[in-house]
Amino acid sequence: EKSVSVGFGLRESYTSAEDGAPGGG
């Protein structure tokens, strides 16, 4: 009856955003 389970997940992204750079523009 007894058990234990383990797992893991990840979400990694690359984003290119308008005016998202330091200083803008």
PDBML (XML) file of the C-alpha atoms, coordinates in Angstrom:
<?xml version="1.0" encoding="UTF-8" ?>
<PDBx:datablock datablockName="MODEL"
   xmlns:PDBx="http://pdbml.pdb.org/schema/pdbx-v50.xsd"
   xmlns:xsi="http://www.w3.org/2001/XMLSchema-instance"
   xsi:schemaLocation="http://pdbml.pdb.org/schema/pdbx-v50.xsd pdbx-v50.xsd">
   <PDBx:atom_siteCategory>
      <PDBx:atom_site id="1">
         <PDBx:B_iso_or_equiv>0.00</PDBx:B_iso_or_equiv>
         <PDBx:Cartn_x>0.000</PDBx:Cartn_x>
         <PDBx:Cartn_y>0.000</PDBx:Cartn_y>
         <PDBx:Cartn_z>0.000</PDBx:Cartn_z>
         <PDBx:auth_asym_id>A</PDBx:auth_asym_id>
         <PDBx:auth_atom_id>CA</PDBx:auth_atom_id>
         <PDBx:auth_comp_id>GLU</PDBx:auth_comp_id>
         <PDBx:auth_seq_id>1</PDBx:auth_seq_id>
         <PDBx:group_PDB>ATOM</PDBx:group_PDB>
         <PDBx:label_alt_id xsi:nil="true" />
         <PDBx:label_asym_id>A</PDBx:label_asym_id>
         <PDBx:label_atom_id>CA</PDBx:label_atom_id>
         <PDBx:label_comp_id>GLU</PDBx:label_comp_id>
         <PDBx:label_entity_id>1</PDBx:label_entity_id>
         <PDBx:label_seq_id>1</PDBx:label_seq_id>
         <PDBx:occupancy>1.00</PDBx:occupancy>
         <PDBx:pdbx_PDB_model_num>1</PDBx:pdbx_PDB_model_num>
         <PDBx:type_symbol>C</PDBx:type_symbol>
      </PDBx:atom_site>
      <PDBx:atom_site id="2">
         <PDBx:B_iso_or_equiv>0.00</PDBx:B_iso_or_equiv>
         <PDBx:Cartn_x>2.753</PDBx:Cartn_x>
         <PDBx:Cartn_y>2.480</PDBx:Cartn_y>
         <PDBx:Cartn_z>0.866</PDBx:Cartn_z>
         <PDBx:auth_asym_id>A</PDBx:auth_asym_id>
         <PDBx:auth_atom_id>CA</PDBx:auth_atom_id>
         <PDBx:auth_comp_id>LYS</PDBx:auth_comp_id>
         <PDBx:auth_seq_id>2</PDBx:auth_seq_id>
         <PDBx:group_PDB>ATOM</PDBx:group_PDB>
         <PDBx:label_alt_id xsi:nil="true" />
         <PDBx:label_asym_id>A</PDBx:label_asym_id>
         <PDBx:label_atom_id>CA</PDBx:label_atom_id>
         <PDBx:label_comp_id>LYS</PDBx:label_comp_id>
         <PDBx:label_entity_id>1</PDBx:label_entity_id>
         <PDBx:label_seq_id>2</PDBx:label_seq_id>
         <PDBx:occupancy>1.00</PDBx:occupancy>
         <PDBx:pdbx_PDB_model_num>1</PDBx:pdbx_PDB_model_num>
         <PDBx:type_symbol>C</PDBx:type_symbol>
      </PDBx:atom_site>
      <PDBx:atom_site id="3">
         <PDBx:B_iso_or_equiv>0.00</PDBx:B_iso_or_equiv>
         <PDBx:Cartn_x>4.846</PDBx:Cartn_x>
         <PDBx:Cartn_y>4.226</PDBx:Cartn_y>
         <PDBx:Cartn_z>-1.771</PDBx:Cartn_z>
         <PDBx:auth_asym_id>A</PDBx:auth_asym_id>
         <PDBx:auth_atom_id>CA</PDBx:auth_atom_id>
         <PDBx:auth_comp_id>SER</PDBx:auth_comp_id>
         <PDBx:auth_seq_id>3</PDBx:auth_seq_id>
         <PDBx:group_PDB>ATOM</PDBx:group_PDB>
         <PDBx:label_alt_id xsi:nil="true" />
         <PDBx:label_asym_id>A</PDBx:label_asym_id>
         <PDBx:label_atom_id>CA</PDBx:label_atom_id>
         <PDBx:label_comp_id>SER</PDBx:label_comp_id>
         <PDBx:label_entity_id>1</PDBx:label_entity_id>
         <PDBx:label_seq_id>3</PDBx:label_seq_id>
         <PDBx:occupancy>1.00</PDBx:occupancy>
         <PDBx:pdbx_PDB_model_num>1</PDBx:pdbx_PDB_model_num>
         <PDBx:type_symbol>C</PDBx:type_symbol>
      </PDBx:atom_site>
      <PDBx:atom_site id="4">
         <PDBx:B_iso_or_equiv>0.00</PDBx:B_iso_or_equiv>
         <PDBx:Cartn_x>6.639</PDBx:Cartn_x>
         <PDBx:Cartn_y>7.479</PDBx:Cartn_y>
         <PDBx:Cartn_z>-2.497</PDBx:Cartn_z>
         <PDBx:auth_asym_id>A</PDBx:auth_asym_id>
         <PDBx:auth_atom_id>CA</PDBx:auth_atom_id>
         <PDBx:auth_comp_id>VAL</PDBx:auth_comp_id>
         <PDBx:auth_seq_id>4</PDBx:auth_seq_id>
         <PDBx:group_PDB>ATOM</PDBx:group_PDB>
         <PDBx:label_alt_id xsi:nil="true" />
         <PDBx:label_asym_id>A</PDBx:label_asym_id>
         <PDBx:label_atom_id>CA</PDBx:label_atom_id>
         <PDBx:label_comp_id>VAL</PDBx:label_comp_id>
         <PDBx:label_entity_id>1</PDBx:label_entity_id>
         <PDBx:label_seq_id>4</PDBx:label_seq_id>
         <PDBx:occupancy>1.00</PDBx:occupancy>
         <PDBx:pdbx_PDB_model_num>1</PDBx:pdbx_PDB_model_num>
         <PDBx:type_symbol>C</PDBx:type_symbol>
      </PDBx:atom_site>
      <PDBx:atom_site id="5">
         <PDBx:B_iso_or_equiv>0.00</PDBx:B_iso_or_equiv>
         <PDBx:Cartn_x>7.165</PDBx:Cartn_x>
         <PDBx:Cartn_y>9.210</PDBx:Cartn_y>
         <PDBx:Cartn_z>-5.836</PDBx:Cartn_z>
         <PDBx:auth_asym_id>A</PDBx:auth_asym_id>
         <PDBx:auth_atom_id>CA</PDBx:auth_atom_id>
         <PDBx:auth_comp_id>SER</PDBx:auth_comp_id>
         <PDBx:auth_seq_id>5</PDBx:auth_seq_id>
         <PDBx:group_PDB>ATOM</PDBx:group_PDB>
         <PDBx:label_alt_id xsi:nil="true" />
         <PDBx:label_asym_id>A</PDBx:label_asym_id>
         <PDBx:label_atom_id>CA</PDBx:label_atom_id>
         <PDBx:label_comp_id>SER</PDBx:label_comp_id>
         <PDBx:label_entity_id>1</PDBx:label_entity_id>
         <PDBx:label_seq_id>5</PDBx:label_seq_id>
         <PDBx:occupancy>1.00</PDBx:occupancy>
         <PDBx:pdbx_PDB_model_num>1</PDBx:pdbx_PDB_model_num>
         <PDBx:type_symbol>C</PDBx:type_symbol>
      </PDBx:atom_site>
      <PDBx:atom_site id="6">
         <PDBx:B_iso_or_equiv>0.00</PDBx:B_iso_or_equiv>
         <PDBx:Cartn_x>9.476</PDBx:Cartn_x>
         <PDBx:Cartn_y>11.907</PDBx:Cartn_y>
         <PDBx:Cartn_z>-7.125</PDBx:Cartn_z>
         <PDBx:auth_asym_id>A</PDBx:auth_asym_id>
         <PDBx:auth_atom_id>CA</PDBx:auth_atom_id>
         <PDBx:auth_comp_id>VAL</PDBx:auth_comp_id>
         <PDBx:auth_seq_id>6</PDBx:auth_seq_id>
         <PDBx:group_PDB>ATOM</PDBx:group_PDB>
         <PDBx:label_alt_id xsi:nil="true" />
         <PDBx:label_asym_id>A</PDBx:label_asym_id>
         <PDBx:label_atom_id>CA</PDBx:label_atom_id>
         <PDBx:label_comp_id>VAL</PDBx:label_comp_id>
         <PDBx:label_entity_id>1</PDBx:label_entity_id>
         <PDBx:label_seq_id>6</PDBx:label_seq_id>
         <PDBx:occupancy>1.00</PDBx:occupancy>
         <PDBx:pdbx_PDB_model_num>1</PDBx:pdbx_PDB_model_num>
         <PDBx:type_symbol>C</PDBx:type_symbol>
      </PDBx:atom_site>
      <PDBx:atom_site id="7">
         <PDBx:B_iso_or_equiv>0.00</PDBx:B_iso_or_equiv>
         <PDBx:Cartn_x>9.768</PDBx:Cartn_x>
         <PDBx:Cartn_y>13.910</PDBx:Cartn_y>
         <PDBx:Cartn_z>-10.323</PDBx:Cartn_z>
         <PDBx:auth_asym_id>A</PDBx:auth_asym_id>
         <PDBx:auth_atom_id>CA</PDBx:auth_atom_id>
         <PDBx:auth_comp_id>GLY</PDBx:auth_comp_id>
         <PDBx:auth_seq_id>7</PDBx:auth_seq_id>
         <PDBx:group_PDB>ATOM</PDBx:group_PDB>
         <PDBx:label_alt_id xsi:nil="true" />
         <PDBx:label_asym_id>A</PDBx:label_asym_id>
         <PDBx:label_atom_id>CA</PDBx:label_atom_id>
         <PDBx:label_comp_id>GLY</PDBx:label_comp_id>
         <PDBx:label_entity_id>1</PDBx:label_entity_id>
         <PDBx:label_seq_id>7</PDBx:label_seq_id>
         <PDBx:occupancy>1.00</PDBx:occupancy>
         <PDBx:pdbx_PDB_model_num>1</PDBx:pdbx_PDB_model_num>
         <PDBx:type_symbol>C</PDBx:type_symbol>
      </PDBx:atom_site>
      <PDBx:atom_site id="8">
         <PDBx:B_iso_or_equiv>0.00</PDBx:B_iso_or_equiv>
         <PDBx:Cartn_x>10.673</PDBx:Cartn_x>
         <PDBx:Cartn_y>17.337</PDBx:Cartn_y>
         <PDBx:Cartn_z>-11.639</PDBx:Cartn_z>
         <PDBx:auth_asym_id>A</PDBx:auth_asym_id>
         <PDBx:auth_atom_id>CA</PDBx:auth_atom_id>
         <PDBx:auth_comp_id>PHE</PDBx:auth_comp_id>
         <PDBx:auth_seq_id>8</PDBx:auth_seq_id>
         <PDBx:group_PDB>ATOM</PDBx:group_PDB>
         <PDBx:label_alt_id xsi:nil="true" />
         <PDBx:label_asym_id>A</PDBx:label_asym_id>
         <PDBx:label_atom_id>CA</PDBx:label_atom_id>
         <PDBx:label_comp_id>PHE</PDBx:label_comp_id>
         <PDBx:label_entity_id>1</PDBx:label_entity_id>
         <PDBx:label_seq_id>8</PDBx:label_seq_id>
         <PDBx:occupancy>1.00</PDBx:occupancy>
         <PDBx:pdbx_PDB_model_num>1</PDBx:pdbx_PDB_model_num>
         <PDBx:type_symbol>C</PDBx:type_symbol>
      </PDBx:atom_site>
      <PDBx:atom_site id="9">
         <PDBx:B_iso_or_equiv>0.00</PDBx:B_iso_or_equiv>
         <PDBx:Cartn_x>9.744</PDBx:Cartn_x>
         <PDBx:Cartn_y>19.783</PDBx:Cartn_y>
         <PDBx:Cartn_z>-14.362</PDBx:Cartn_z>
         <PDBx:auth_asym_id>A</PDBx:auth_asym_id>
         <PDBx:auth_atom_id>CA</PDBx:auth_atom_id>
         <PDBx:auth_comp_id>GLY</PDBx:auth_comp_id>
         <PDBx:auth_seq_id>9</PDBx:auth_seq_id>
         <PDBx:group_PDB>ATOM</PDBx:group_PDB>
         <PDBx:label_alt_id xsi:nil="true" />
         <PDBx:label_asym_id>A</PDBx:label_asym_id>
         <PDBx:label_atom_id>CA</PDBx:label_atom_id>
         <PDBx:label_comp_id>GLY</PDBx:label_comp_id>
         <PDBx:label_entity_id>1</PDBx:label_entity_id>
         <PDBx:label_seq_id>9</PDBx:label_seq_id>
         <PDBx:occupancy>1.00</PDBx:occupancy>
         <PDBx:pdbx_PDB_model_num>1</PDBx:pdbx_PDB_model_num>
         <PDBx:type_symbol>C</PDBx:type_symbol>
      </PDBx:atom_site>
      <PDBx:atom_site id="10">
         <PDBx:B_iso_or_equiv>0.00</PDBx:B_iso_or_equiv>
         <PDBx:Cartn_x>11.259</PDBx:Cartn_x>
         <PDBx:Cartn_y>22.807</PDBx:Cartn_y>
         <PDBx:Cartn_z>-16.068</PDBx:Cartn_z>
         <PDBx:auth_asym_id>A</PDBx:auth_asym_id>
         <PDBx:auth_atom_id>CA</PDBx:auth_atom_id>
         <PDBx:auth_comp_id>LEU</PDBx:auth_comp_id>
         <PDBx:auth_seq_id>10</PDBx:auth_seq_id>
         <PDBx:group_PDB>ATOM</PDBx:group_PDB>
         <PDBx:label_alt_id xsi:nil="true" />
         <PDBx:label_asym_id>A</PDBx:label_asym_id>
         <PDBx:label_atom_id>CA</PDBx:label_atom_id>
         <PDBx:label_comp_id>LEU</PDBx:label_comp_id>
         <PDBx:label_entity_id>1</PDBx:label_entity_id>
         <PDBx:label_seq_id>10</PDBx:label_seq_id>
         <PDBx:occupancy>1.00</PDBx:occupancy>
         <PDBx:pdbx_PDB_model_num>1</PDBx:pdbx_PDB_model_num>
         <PDBx:type_symbol>C</PDBx:type_symbol>
      </PDBx:atom_site>
      <PDBx:atom_site id="11">
         <PDBx:B_iso_or_equiv>0.00</PDBx:B_iso_or_equiv>
         <PDBx:Cartn_x>10.310</PDBx:Cartn_x>
         <PDBx:Cartn_y>25.548</PDBx:Cartn_y>
         <PDBx:Cartn_z>-18.483</PDBx:Cartn_z>
         <PDBx:auth_asym_id>A</PDBx:auth_asym_id>
         <PDBx:auth_atom_id>CA</PDBx:auth_atom_id>
         <PDBx:auth_comp_id>ARG</PDBx:auth_comp_id>
         <PDBx:auth_seq_id>11</PDBx:auth_seq_id>
         <PDBx:group_PDB>ATOM</PDBx:group_PDB>
         <PDBx:label_alt_id xsi:nil="true" />
         <PDBx:label_asym_id>A</PDBx:label_asym_id>
         <PDBx:label_atom_id>CA</PDBx:label_atom_id>
         <PDBx:label_comp_id>ARG</PDBx:label_comp_id>
         <PDBx:label_entity_id>1</PDBx:label_entity_id>
         <PDBx:label_seq_id>11</PDBx:label_seq_id>
         <PDBx:occupancy>1.00</PDBx:occupancy>
         <PDBx:pdbx_PDB_model_num>1</PDBx:pdbx_PDB_model_num>
         <PDBx:type_symbol>C</PDBx:type_symbol>
      </PDBx:atom_site>
      <PDBx:atom_site id="12">
         <PDBx:B_iso_or_equiv>0.00</PDBx:B_iso_or_equiv>
         <PDBx:Cartn_x>13.171</PDBx:Cartn_x>
         <PDBx:Cartn_y>27.420</PDBx:Cartn_y>
         <PDBx:Cartn_z>-20.167</PDBx:Cartn_z>
         <PDBx:auth_asym_id>A</PDBx:auth_asym_id>
         <PDBx:auth_atom_id>CA</PDBx:auth_atom_id>
         <PDBx:auth_comp_id>GLU</PDBx:auth_comp_id>
         <PDBx:auth_seq_id>12</PDBx:auth_seq_id>
         <PDBx:group_PDB>ATOM</PDBx:group_PDB>
         <PDBx:label_alt_id xsi:nil="true" />
         <PDBx:label_asym_id>A</PDBx:label_asym_id>
         <PDBx:label_atom_id>CA</PDBx:label_atom_id>
         <PDBx:label_comp_id>GLU</PDBx:label_comp_id>
         <PDBx:label_entity_id>1</PDBx:label_entity_id>
         <PDBx:label_seq_id>12</PDBx:label_seq_id>
         <PDBx:occupancy>1.00</PDBx:occupancy>
         <PDBx:pdbx_PDB_model_num>1</PDBx:pdbx_PDB_model_num>
         <PDBx:type_symbol>C</PDBx:type_symbol>
      </PDBx:atom_site>
      <PDBx:atom_site id="13">
         <PDBx:B_iso_or_equiv>0.00</PDBx:B_iso_or_equiv>
         <PDBx:Cartn_x>12.549</PDBx:Cartn_x>
         <PDBx:Cartn_y>30.196</PDBx:Cartn_y>
         <PDBx:Cartn_z>-22.681</PDBx:Cartn_z>
         <PDBx:auth_asym_id>A</PDBx:auth_asym_id>
         <PDBx:auth_atom_id>CA</PDBx:auth_atom_id>
         <PDBx:auth_comp_id>SER</PDBx:auth_comp_id>
         <PDBx:auth_seq_id>13</PDBx:auth_seq_id>
         <PDBx:group_PDB>ATOM</PDBx:group_PDB>
         <PDBx:label_alt_id xsi:nil="true" />
         <PDBx:label_asym_id>A</PDBx:label_asym_id>
         <PDBx:label_atom_id>CA</PDBx:label_atom_id>
         <PDBx:label_comp_id>SER</PDBx:label_comp_id>
         <PDBx:label_entity_id>1</PDBx:label_entity_id>
         <PDBx:label_seq_id>13</PDBx:label_seq_id>
         <PDBx:occupancy>1.00</PDBx:occupancy>
         <PDBx:pdbx_PDB_model_num>1</PDBx:pdbx_PDB_model_num>
         <PDBx:type_symbol>C</PDBx:type_symbol>
      </PDBx:atom_site>
      <PDBx:atom_site id="14">
         <PDBx:B_iso_or_equiv>0.00</PDBx:B_iso_or_equiv>
         <PDBx:Cartn_x>14.249</PDBx:Cartn_x>
         <PDBx:Cartn_y>32.496</PDBx:Cartn_y>
         <PDBx:Cartn_z>-25.136</PDBx:Cartn_z>
         <PDBx:auth_asym_id>A</PDBx:auth_asym_id>
         <PDBx:auth_atom_id>CA</PDBx:auth_atom_id>
         <PDBx:auth_comp_id>TYR</PDBx:auth_comp_id>
         <PDBx:auth_seq_id>14</PDBx:auth_seq_id>
         <PDBx:group_PDB>ATOM</PDBx:group_PDB>
         <PDBx:label_alt_id xsi:nil="true" />
         <PDBx:label_asym_id>A</PDBx:label_asym_id>
         <PDBx:label_atom_id>CA</PDBx:label_atom_id>
         <PDBx:label_comp_id>TYR</PDBx:label_comp_id>
         <PDBx:label_entity_id>1</PDBx:label_entity_id>
         <PDBx:label_seq_id>14</PDBx:label_seq_id>
         <PDBx:occupancy>1.00</PDBx:occupancy>
         <PDBx:pdbx_PDB_model_num>1</PDBx:pdbx_PDB_model_num>
         <PDBx:type_symbol>C</PDBx:type_symbol>
      </PDBx:atom_site>
      <PDBx:atom_site id="15">
         <PDBx:B_iso_or_equiv>0.00</PDBx:B_iso_or_equiv>
         <PDBx:Cartn_x>12.465</PDBx:Cartn_x>
         <PDBx:Cartn_y>35.814</PDBx:Cartn_y>
         <PDBx:Cartn_z>-25.643</PDBx:Cartn_z>
         <PDBx:auth_asym_id>A</PDBx:auth_asym_id>
         <PDBx:auth_atom_id>CA</PDBx:auth_atom_id>
         <PDBx:auth_comp_id>THR</PDBx:auth_comp_id>
         <PDBx:auth_seq_id>15</PDBx:auth_seq_id>
         <PDBx:group_PDB>ATOM</PDBx:group_PDB>
         <PDBx:label_alt_id xsi:nil="true" />
         <PDBx:label_asym_id>A</PDBx:label_asym_id>
         <PDBx:label_atom_id>CA</PDBx:label_atom_id>
         <PDBx:label_comp_id>THR</PDBx:label_comp_id>
         <PDBx:label_entity_id>1</PDBx:label_entity_id>
         <PDBx:label_seq_id>15</PDBx:label_seq_id>
         <PDBx:occupancy>1.00</PDBx:occupancy>
         <PDBx:pdbx_PDB_model_num>1</PDBx:pdbx_PDB_model_num>
         <PDBx:type_symbol>C</PDBx:type_symbol>
      </PDBx:atom_site>
      <PDBx:atom_site id="16">
         <PDBx:B_iso_or_equiv>0.00</PDBx:B_iso_or_equiv>
         <PDBx:Cartn_x>13.013</PDBx:Cartn_x>
         <PDBx:Cartn_y>38.689</PDBx:Cartn_y>
         <PDBx:Cartn_z>-28.025</PDBx:Cartn_z>
         <PDBx:auth_asym_id>A</PDBx:auth_asym_id>
         <PDBx:auth_atom_id>CA</PDBx:auth_atom_id>
         <PDBx:auth_comp_id>SER</PDBx:auth_comp_id>
         <PDBx:auth_seq_id>16</PDBx:auth_seq_id>
         <PDBx:group_PDB>ATOM</PDBx:group_PDB>
         <PDBx:label_alt_id xsi:nil="true" />
         <PDBx:label_asym_id>A</PDBx:label_asym_id>
         <PDBx:label_atom_id>CA</PDBx:label_atom_id>
         <PDBx:label_comp_id>SER</PDBx:label_comp_id>
         <PDBx:label_entity_id>1</PDBx:label_entity_id>
         <PDBx:label_seq_id>16</PDBx:label_seq_id>
         <PDBx:occupancy>1.00</PDBx:occupancy>
         <PDBx:pdbx_PDB_model_num>1</PDBx:pdbx_PDB_model_num>
         <PDBx:type_symbol>C</PDBx:type_symbol>
      </PDBx:atom_site>
      <PDBx:atom_site id="17">
         <PDBx:B_iso_or_equiv>0.00</PDBx:B_iso_or_equiv>
         <PDBx:Cartn_x>10.891</PDBx:Cartn_x>
         <PDBx:Cartn_y>41.645</PDBx:Cartn_y>
         <PDBx:Cartn_z>-26.900</PDBx:Cartn_z>
         <PDBx:auth_asym_id>A</PDBx:auth_asym_id>
         <PDBx:auth_atom_id>CA</PDBx:auth_atom_id>
         <PDBx:auth_comp_id>ALA</PDBx:auth_comp_id>
         <PDBx:auth_seq_id>17</PDBx:auth_seq_id>
         <PDBx:group_PDB>ATOM</PDBx:group_PDB>
         <PDBx:label_alt_id xsi:nil="true" />
         <PDBx:label_asym_id>A</PDBx:label_asym_id>
         <PDBx:label_atom_id>CA</PDBx:label_atom_id>
         <PDBx:label_comp_id>ALA</PDBx:label_comp_id>
         <PDBx:label_entity_id>1</PDBx:label_entity_id>
         <PDBx:label_seq_id>17</PDBx:label_seq_id>
         <PDBx:occupancy>1.00</PDBx:occupancy>
         <PDBx:pdbx_PDB_model_num>1</PDBx:pdbx_PDB_model_num>
         <PDBx:type_symbol>C</PDBx:type_symbol>
      </PDBx:atom_site>
      <PDBx:atom_site id="18">
         <PDBx:B_iso_or_equiv>0.00</PDBx:B_iso_or_equiv>
         <PDBx:Cartn_x>10.348</PDBx:Cartn_x>
         <PDBx:Cartn_y>45.097</PDBx:Cartn_y>
         <PDBx:Cartn_z>-28.366</PDBx:Cartn_z>
         <PDBx:auth_asym_id>A</PDBx:auth_asym_id>
         <PDBx:auth_atom_id>CA</PDBx:auth_atom_id>
         <PDBx:auth_comp_id>GLU</PDBx:auth_comp_id>
         <PDBx:auth_seq_id>18</PDBx:auth_seq_id>
         <PDBx:group_PDB>ATOM</PDBx:group_PDB>
         <PDBx:label_alt_id xsi:nil="true" />
         <PDBx:label_asym_id>A</PDBx:label_asym_id>
         <PDBx:label_atom_id>CA</PDBx:label_atom_id>
         <PDBx:label_comp_id>GLU</PDBx:label_comp_id>
         <PDBx:label_entity_id>1</PDBx:label_entity_id>
         <PDBx:label_seq_id>18</PDBx:label_seq_id>
         <PDBx:occupancy>1.00</PDBx:occupancy>
         <PDBx:pdbx_PDB_model_num>1</PDBx:pdbx_PDB_model_num>
         <PDBx:type_symbol>C</PDBx:type_symbol>
      </PDBx:atom_site>
      <PDBx:atom_site id="19">
         <PDBx:B_iso_or_equiv>0.00</PDBx:B_iso_or_equiv>
         <PDBx:Cartn_x>12.079</PDBx:Cartn_x>
         <PDBx:Cartn_y>47.845</PDBx:Cartn_y>
         <PDBx:Cartn_z>-26.334</PDBx:Cartn_z>
         <PDBx:auth_asym_id>A</PDBx:auth_asym_id>
         <PDBx:auth_atom_id>CA</PDBx:auth_atom_id>
         <PDBx:auth_comp_id>ASP</PDBx:auth_comp_id>
         <PDBx:auth_seq_id>19</PDBx:auth_seq_id>
         <PDBx:group_PDB>ATOM</PDBx:group_PDB>
         <PDBx:label_alt_id xsi:nil="true" />
         <PDBx:label_asym_id>A</PDBx:label_asym_id>
         <PDBx:label_atom_id>CA</PDBx:label_atom_id>
         <PDBx:label_comp_id>ASP</PDBx:label_comp_id>
         <PDBx:label_entity_id>1</PDBx:label_entity_id>
         <PDBx:label_seq_id>19</PDBx:label_seq_id>
         <PDBx:occupancy>1.00</PDBx:occupancy>
         <PDBx:pdbx_PDB_model_num>1</PDBx:pdbx_PDB_model_num>
         <PDBx:type_symbol>C</PDBx:type_symbol>
      </PDBx:atom_site>
      <PDBx:atom_site id="20">
         <PDBx:B_iso_or_equiv>0.00</PDBx:B_iso_or_equiv>
         <PDBx:Cartn_x>13.027</PDBx:Cartn_x>
         <PDBx:Cartn_y>45.220</PDBx:Cartn_y>
         <PDBx:Cartn_z>-23.754</PDBx:Cartn_z>
         <PDBx:auth_asym_id>A</PDBx:auth_asym_id>
         <PDBx:auth_atom_id>CA</PDBx:auth_atom_id>
         <PDBx:auth_comp_id>GLY</PDBx:auth_comp_id>
         <PDBx:auth_seq_id>20</PDBx:auth_seq_id>
         <PDBx:group_PDB>ATOM</PDBx:group_PDB>
         <PDBx:label_alt_id xsi:nil="true" />
         <PDBx:label_asym_id>A</PDBx:label_asym_id>
         <PDBx:label_atom_id>CA</PDBx:label_atom_id>
         <PDBx:label_comp_id>GLY</PDBx:label_comp_id>
         <PDBx:label_entity_id>1</PDBx:label_entity_id>
         <PDBx:label_seq_id>20</PDBx:label_seq_id>
         <PDBx:occupancy>1.00</PDBx:occupancy>
         <PDBx:pdbx_PDB_model_num>1</PDBx:pdbx_PDB_model_num>
         <PDBx:type_symbol>C</PDBx:type_symbol>
      </PDBx:atom_site>
      <PDBx:atom_site id="21">
         <PDBx:B_iso_or_equiv>0.00</PDBx:B_iso_or_equiv>
         <PDBx:Cartn_x>16.742</PDBx:Cartn_x>
         <PDBx:Cartn_y>45.957</PDBx:Cartn_y>
         <PDBx:Cartn_z>-23.757</PDBx:Cartn_z>
         <PDBx:auth_asym_id>A</PDBx:auth_asym_id>
         <PDBx:auth_atom_id>CA</PDBx:auth_atom_id>
         <PDBx:auth_comp_id>ALA</PDBx:auth_comp_id>
         <PDBx:auth_seq_id>21</PDBx:auth_seq_id>
         <PDBx:group_PDB>ATOM</PDBx:group_PDB>
         <PDBx:label_alt_id xsi:nil="true" />
         <PDBx:label_asym_id>A</PDBx:label_asym_id>
         <PDBx:label_atom_id>CA</PDBx:label_atom_id>
         <PDBx:label_comp_id>ALA</PDBx:label_comp_id>
         <PDBx:label_entity_id>1</PDBx:label_entity_id>
         <PDBx:label_seq_id>21</PDBx:label_seq_id>
         <PDBx:occupancy>1.00</PDBx:occupancy>
         <PDBx:pdbx_PDB_model_num>1</PDBx:pdbx_PDB_model_num>
         <PDBx:type_symbol>C</PDBx:type_symbol>
      </PDBx:atom_site>
      <PDBx:atom_site id="22">
         <PDBx:B_iso_or_equiv>0.00</PDBx:B_iso_or_equiv>
         <PDBx:Cartn_x>18.308</PDBx:Cartn_x>
         <PDBx:Cartn_y>48.088</PDBx:Cartn_y>
         <PDBx:Cartn_z>-21.000</PDBx:Cartn_z>
         <PDBx:auth_asym_id>A</PDBx:auth_asym_id>
         <PDBx:auth_atom_id>CA</PDBx:auth_atom_id>
         <PDBx:auth_comp_id>PRO</PDBx:auth_comp_id>
         <PDBx:auth_seq_id>22</PDBx:auth_seq_id>
         <PDBx:group_PDB>ATOM</PDBx:group_PDB>
         <PDBx:label_alt_id xsi:nil="true" />
         <PDBx:label_asym_id>A</PDBx:label_asym_id>
         <PDBx:label_atom_id>CA</PDBx:label_atom_id>
         <PDBx:label_comp_id>PRO</PDBx:label_comp_id>
         <PDBx:label_entity_id>1</PDBx:label_entity_id>
         <PDBx:label_seq_id>22</PDBx:label_seq_id>
         <PDBx:occupancy>1.00</PDBx:occupancy>
         <PDBx:pdbx_PDB_model_num>1</PDBx:pdbx_PDB_model_num>
         <PDBx:type_symbol>C</PDBx:type_symbol>
      </PDBx:atom_site>
      <PDBx:atom_site id="23">
         <PDBx:B_iso_or_equiv>0.00</PDBx:B_iso_or_equiv>
         <PDBx:Cartn_x>17.844</PDBx:Cartn_x>
         <PDBx:Cartn_y>51.735</PDBx:Cartn_y>
         <PDBx:Cartn_z>-21.887</PDBx:Cartn_z>
         <PDBx:auth_asym_id>A</PDBx:auth_asym_id>
         <PDBx:auth_atom_id>CA</PDBx:auth_atom_id>
         <PDBx:auth_comp_id>GLY</PDBx:auth_comp_id>
         <PDBx:auth_seq_id>23</PDBx:auth_seq_id>
         <PDBx:group_PDB>ATOM</PDBx:group_PDB>
         <PDBx:label_alt_id xsi:nil="true" />
         <PDBx:label_asym_id>A</PDBx:label_asym_id>
         <PDBx:label_atom_id>CA</PDBx:label_atom_id>
         <PDBx:label_comp_id>GLY</PDBx:label_comp_id>
         <PDBx:label_entity_id>1</PDBx:label_entity_id>
         <PDBx:label_seq_id>23</PDBx:label_seq_id>
         <PDBx:occupancy>1.00</PDBx:occupancy>
         <PDBx:pdbx_PDB_model_num>1</PDBx:pdbx_PDB_model_num>
         <PDBx:type_symbol>C</PDBx:type_symbol>
      </PDBx:atom_site>
      <PDBx:atom_site id="24">
         <PDBx:B_iso_or_equiv>0.00</PDBx:B_iso_or_equiv>
         <PDBx:Cartn_x>15.027</PDBx:Cartn_x>
         <PDBx:Cartn_y>50.997</PDBx:Cartn_y>
         <PDBx:Cartn_z>-24.317</PDBx:Cartn_z>
         <PDBx:auth_asym_id>A</PDBx:auth_asym_id>
         <PDBx:auth_atom_id>CA</PDBx:auth_atom_id>
         <PDBx:auth_comp_id>GLY</PDBx:auth_comp_id>
         <PDBx:auth_seq_id>24</PDBx:auth_seq_id>
         <PDBx:group_PDB>ATOM</PDBx:group_PDB>
         <PDBx:label_alt_id xsi:nil="true" />
         <PDBx:label_asym_id>A</PDBx:label_asym_id>
         <PDBx:label_atom_id>CA</PDBx:label_atom_id>
         <PDBx:label_comp_id>GLY</PDBx:label_comp_id>
         <PDBx:label_entity_id>1</PDBx:label_entity_id>
         <PDBx:label_seq_id>24</PDBx:label_seq_id>
         <PDBx:occupancy>1.00</PDBx:occupancy>
         <PDBx:pdbx_PDB_model_num>1</PDBx:pdbx_PDB_model_num>
         <PDBx:type_symbol>C</PDBx:type_symbol>
      </PDBx:atom_site>
      <PDBx:atom_site id="25">
         <PDBx:B_iso_or_equiv>0.00</PDBx:B_iso_or_equiv>
         <PDBx:Cartn_x>14.906</PDBx:Cartn_x>
         <PDBx:Cartn_y>51.521</PDBx:Cartn_y>
         <PDBx:Cartn_z>-28.056</PDBx:Cartn_z>
         <PDBx:auth_asym_id>A</PDBx:auth_asym_id>
         <PDBx:auth_atom_id>CA</PDBx:auth_atom_id>
         <PDBx:auth_comp_id>GLY</PDBx:auth_comp_id>
         <PDBx:auth_seq_id>25</PDBx:auth_seq_id>
         <PDBx:group_PDB>ATOM</PDBx:group_PDB>
         <PDBx:label_alt_id xsi:nil="true" />
         <PDBx:label_asym_id>A</PDBx:label_asym_id>
         <PDBx:label_atom_id>CA</PDBx:label_atom_id>
         <PDBx:label_comp_id>GLY</PDBx:label_comp_id>
         <PDBx:label_entity_id>1</PDBx:label_entity_id>
         <PDBx:label_seq_id>25</PDBx:label_seq_id>
         <PDBx:occupancy>1.00</PDBx:occupancy>
         <PDBx:pdbx_PDB_model_num>1</PDBx:pdbx_PDB_model_num>
         <PDBx:type_symbol>C</PDBx:type_symbol>
      </PDBx:atom_site>
   </PDBx:atom_siteCategory>
</PDBx:datablock>
